[in-house]
Amino acid sequence: MLLLEFTIEPFHEGKPGQHVRAAIEAVEAMGLEVEFGPFGSSVVVSPLSVAEVSGAILAQAFANGATHVSLHAERVPPMAEKSEKGETGT
């Protein structure tokens, strides 16, 4: 699994604009859970869906007024996946 972290600008503390909300809603419409944070958001995706999810974030953010999108991807270690799901691994 891959962790996608993204930050969408312009940044308005405590007031995410439509450029942020639209990107998050697009990802959630794919059945994924977005962790919304004060300075960025993240979502765990399969390697097969990373292009589709990344594309949706970028397309919706820029279509709704974003000026800049930072996107970072990293592989989630297998134990972290189990911990996030509440499993102990035993």
C-alpha atoms as a PDB file:
ATOM      1  CA  MET A   1       0.000   0.000   0.000  1.00  0.00           C
ATOM      2  CA  LEU A   2       1.040   3.605  -0.555  1.00  0.00           C
ATOM      3  CA  LEU A   3       0.493   6.647   1.607  1.00  0.00           C
ATOM      4  CA  LEU A   4      -0.317   9.771  -0.402  1.00  0.00           C
ATOM      5  CA  GLU A   5       0.152  13.023   1.474  1.00  0.00           C
ATOM      6  CA  PHE A   6      -1.036  16.216  -0.164  1.00  0.00           C
ATOM      7  CA  THR A   7      -1.171  19.911   0.578  1.00  0.00           C
ATOM      8  CA  ILE A   8      -3.313  22.231  -1.497  1.00  0.00           C
ATOM      9  CA  GLU A   9      -2.726  25.983  -1.648  1.00  0.00           C
ATOM     10  CA  PRO A  10      -3.723  28.701  -1.132  1.00  0.00           C
ATOM     11  CA  PHE A  11      -3.805  27.809   2.541  1.00  0.00           C
ATOM     12  CA  HIS A  12      -6.452  29.429   4.762  1.00  0.00           C
ATOM     13  CA  GLU A  13      -6.022  28.334   8.382  1.00  0.00           C
ATOM     14  CA  GLY A  14      -9.226  26.816   9.734  1.00  0.00           C
ATOM     15  CA  LYS A  15     -11.132  27.541   6.504  1.00  0.00           C
ATOM     16  CA  PRO A  16     -10.398  25.002   3.768  1.00  0.00           C
ATOM     17  CA  GLY A  17     -11.633  26.471   0.528  1.00  0.00           C
ATOM     18  CA  GLN A  18     -13.518  24.763  -2.265  1.00  0.00           C
ATOM     19  CA  HIS A  19     -10.169  23.857  -3.894  1.00  0.00           C
ATOM     20  CA  VAL A  20      -9.405  21.654  -0.855  1.00  0.00           C
ATOM     21  CA  ARG A  21     -12.919  20.323  -0.252  1.00  0.00           C
ATOM     22  CA  ALA A  22     -13.414  19.308  -3.900  1.00  0.00           C
ATOM     23  CA  ALA A  23     -10.175  17.293  -3.959  1.00  0.00           C
ATOM     24  CA  ILE A  24     -11.057  15.492  -0.726  1.00  0.00           C
ATOM     25  CA  GLU A  25     -14.621  14.810  -1.882  1.00  0.00           C
ATOM     26  CA  ALA A  26     -13.308  13.321  -5.151  1.00  0.00           C
ATOM     27  CA  VAL A  27     -11.112  10.879  -3.227  1.00  0.00           C
ATOM     28  CA  GLU A  28     -13.882   9.997  -0.775  1.00  0.00           C
ATOM     29  CA  ALA A  29     -16.213   9.334  -3.723  1.00  0.00           C
ATOM     30  CA  MET A  30     -13.784   6.542  -4.659  1.00  0.00           C
ATOM     31  CA  GLY A  31     -14.579   4.875  -1.341  1.00  0.00           C
ATOM     32  CA  LEU A  32     -11.333   5.936   0.353  1.00  0.00           C
ATOM     33  CA  GLU A  33     -10.935   7.552   3.753  1.00  0.00           C
ATOM     34  CA  VAL A  34      -9.007  10.823   3.770  1.00  0.00           C
ATOM     35  CA  GLU A  35      -7.280  11.932   6.950  1.00  0.00           C
ATOM     36  CA  PHE A  36      -7.755  15.693   6.894  1.00  0.00           C
ATOM     37  CA  GLY A  37      -5.083  17.630   8.762  1.00  0.00           C
ATOM     38  CA  PRO A  38      -4.461  21.296   9.537  1.00  0.00           C
ATOM     39  CA  PHE A  39      -1.574  21.602   7.063  1.00  0.00           C
ATOM     40  CA  GLY A  40      -2.209  18.688   4.714  1.00  0.00           C
ATOM     41  CA  SER A  41      -4.183  15.531   4.183  1.00  0.00           C
ATOM     42  CA  SER A  42      -3.394  11.888   3.503  1.00  0.00           C
ATOM     43  CA  VAL A  43      -4.934   8.731   2.125  1.00  0.00           C
ATOM     44  CA  VAL A  44      -3.743   5.120   1.841  1.00  0.00           C
ATOM     45  CA  VAL A  45      -4.146   3.655  -1.659  1.00  0.00           C
ATOM     46  CA  SER A  46      -3.188   0.537  -3.542  1.00  0.00           C
ATOM     47  CA  PRO A  47      -0.344   0.819  -6.049  1.00  0.00           C
ATOM     48  CA  LEU A  48      -2.875   0.082  -8.801  1.00  0.00           C
ATOM     49  CA  SER A  49      -5.022   3.095  -7.912  1.00  0.00           C
ATOM     50  CA  VAL A  50      -2.303   5.651  -7.150  1.00  0.00           C
ATOM     51  CA  ALA A  51      -2.498   7.284 -10.586  1.00  0.00           C
ATOM     52  CA  GLU A  52      -6.286   7.561 -10.492  1.00  0.00           C
ATOM     53  CA  VAL A  53      -6.358   8.990  -6.972  1.00  0.00           C
ATOM     54  CA  SER A  54      -3.465  11.407  -7.598  1.00  0.00           C
ATOM     55  CA  GLY A  55      -5.110  12.551 -10.812  1.00  0.00           C
ATOM     56  CA  ALA A  56      -8.400  13.216  -9.041  1.00  0.00           C
ATOM     57  CA  ILE A  57      -6.674  15.271  -6.342  1.00  0.00           C
ATOM     58  CA  LEU A  58      -4.834  17.394  -8.902  1.00  0.00           C
ATOM     59  CA  ALA A  59      -7.765  17.792 -11.284  1.00  0.00           C
ATOM     60  CA  GLN A  60     -10.276  18.833  -8.635  1.00  0.00           C
ATOM     61  CA  ALA A  61      -7.883  21.087  -6.742  1.00  0.00           C
ATOM     62  CA  PHE A  62      -6.866  23.071  -9.824  1.00  0.00           C
ATOM     63  CA  ALA A  63     -10.401  23.106 -11.273  1.00  0.00           C
ATOM     64  CA  ASN A  64     -11.540  24.777  -8.057  1.00  0.00           C
ATOM     65  CA  GLY A  65      -8.899  27.470  -7.696  1.00  0.00           C
ATOM     66  CA  ALA A  66      -5.757  25.860  -6.281  1.00  0.00           C
ATOM     67  CA  THR A  67      -2.512  27.654  -7.058  1.00  0.00           C
ATOM     68  CA  HIS A  68      -0.159  24.873  -5.934  1.00  0.00           C
ATOM     69  CA  VAL A  69      -0.451  21.208  -4.945  1.00  0.00           C
ATOM     70  CA  SER A  70       2.295  19.288  -3.172  1.00  0.00           C
ATOM     71  CA  LEU A  71       1.938  15.523  -3.436  1.00  0.00           C
ATOM     72  CA  HIS A  72       4.174  13.012  -1.685  1.00  0.00           C
ATOM     73  CA  ALA A  73       3.951   9.222  -1.917  1.00  0.00           C
ATOM     74  CA  GLU A  74       5.638   6.546   0.161  1.00  0.00           C
ATOM     75  CA  ARG A  75       5.259   2.842   0.688  1.00  0.00           C
ATOM     76  CA  VAL A  76       3.497   1.908   3.927  1.00  0.00           C
ATOM     77  CA  PRO A  77       5.325  -0.872   5.797  1.00  0.00           C
ATOM     78  CA  PRO A  78       3.161  -4.018   6.235  1.00  0.00           C
ATOM     79  CA  MET A  79       3.144  -3.712  10.037  1.00  0.00           C
ATOM     80  CA  ALA A  80       1.912  -0.120   9.811  1.00  0.00           C
ATOM     81  CA  GLU A  81      -0.985  -1.279   7.628  1.00  0.00           C
ATOM     82  CA  LYS A  82      -2.019  -3.804  10.282  1.00  0.00           C
ATOM     83  CA  SER A  83      -1.662  -1.243  13.085  1.00  0.00           C
ATOM     84  CA  GLU A  84      -3.857   1.225  11.231  1.00  0.00           C
ATOM     85  CA  LYS A  85      -6.524  -1.463  10.888  1.00  0.00           C
ATOM     86  CA  GLY A  86      -6.358  -2.307  14.593  1.00  0.00           C
ATOM     87  CA  GLU A  87      -4.771  -5.714  14.057  1.00  0.00           C
ATOM     88  CA  THR A  88      -1.969  -6.967  16.251  1.00  0.00           C
ATOM     89  CA  GLY A  89      -0.149  -9.051  13.677  1.00  0.00           C
ATOM     90  CA  THR A  90      -0.231 -12.173  15.846  1.00  0.00           C
END
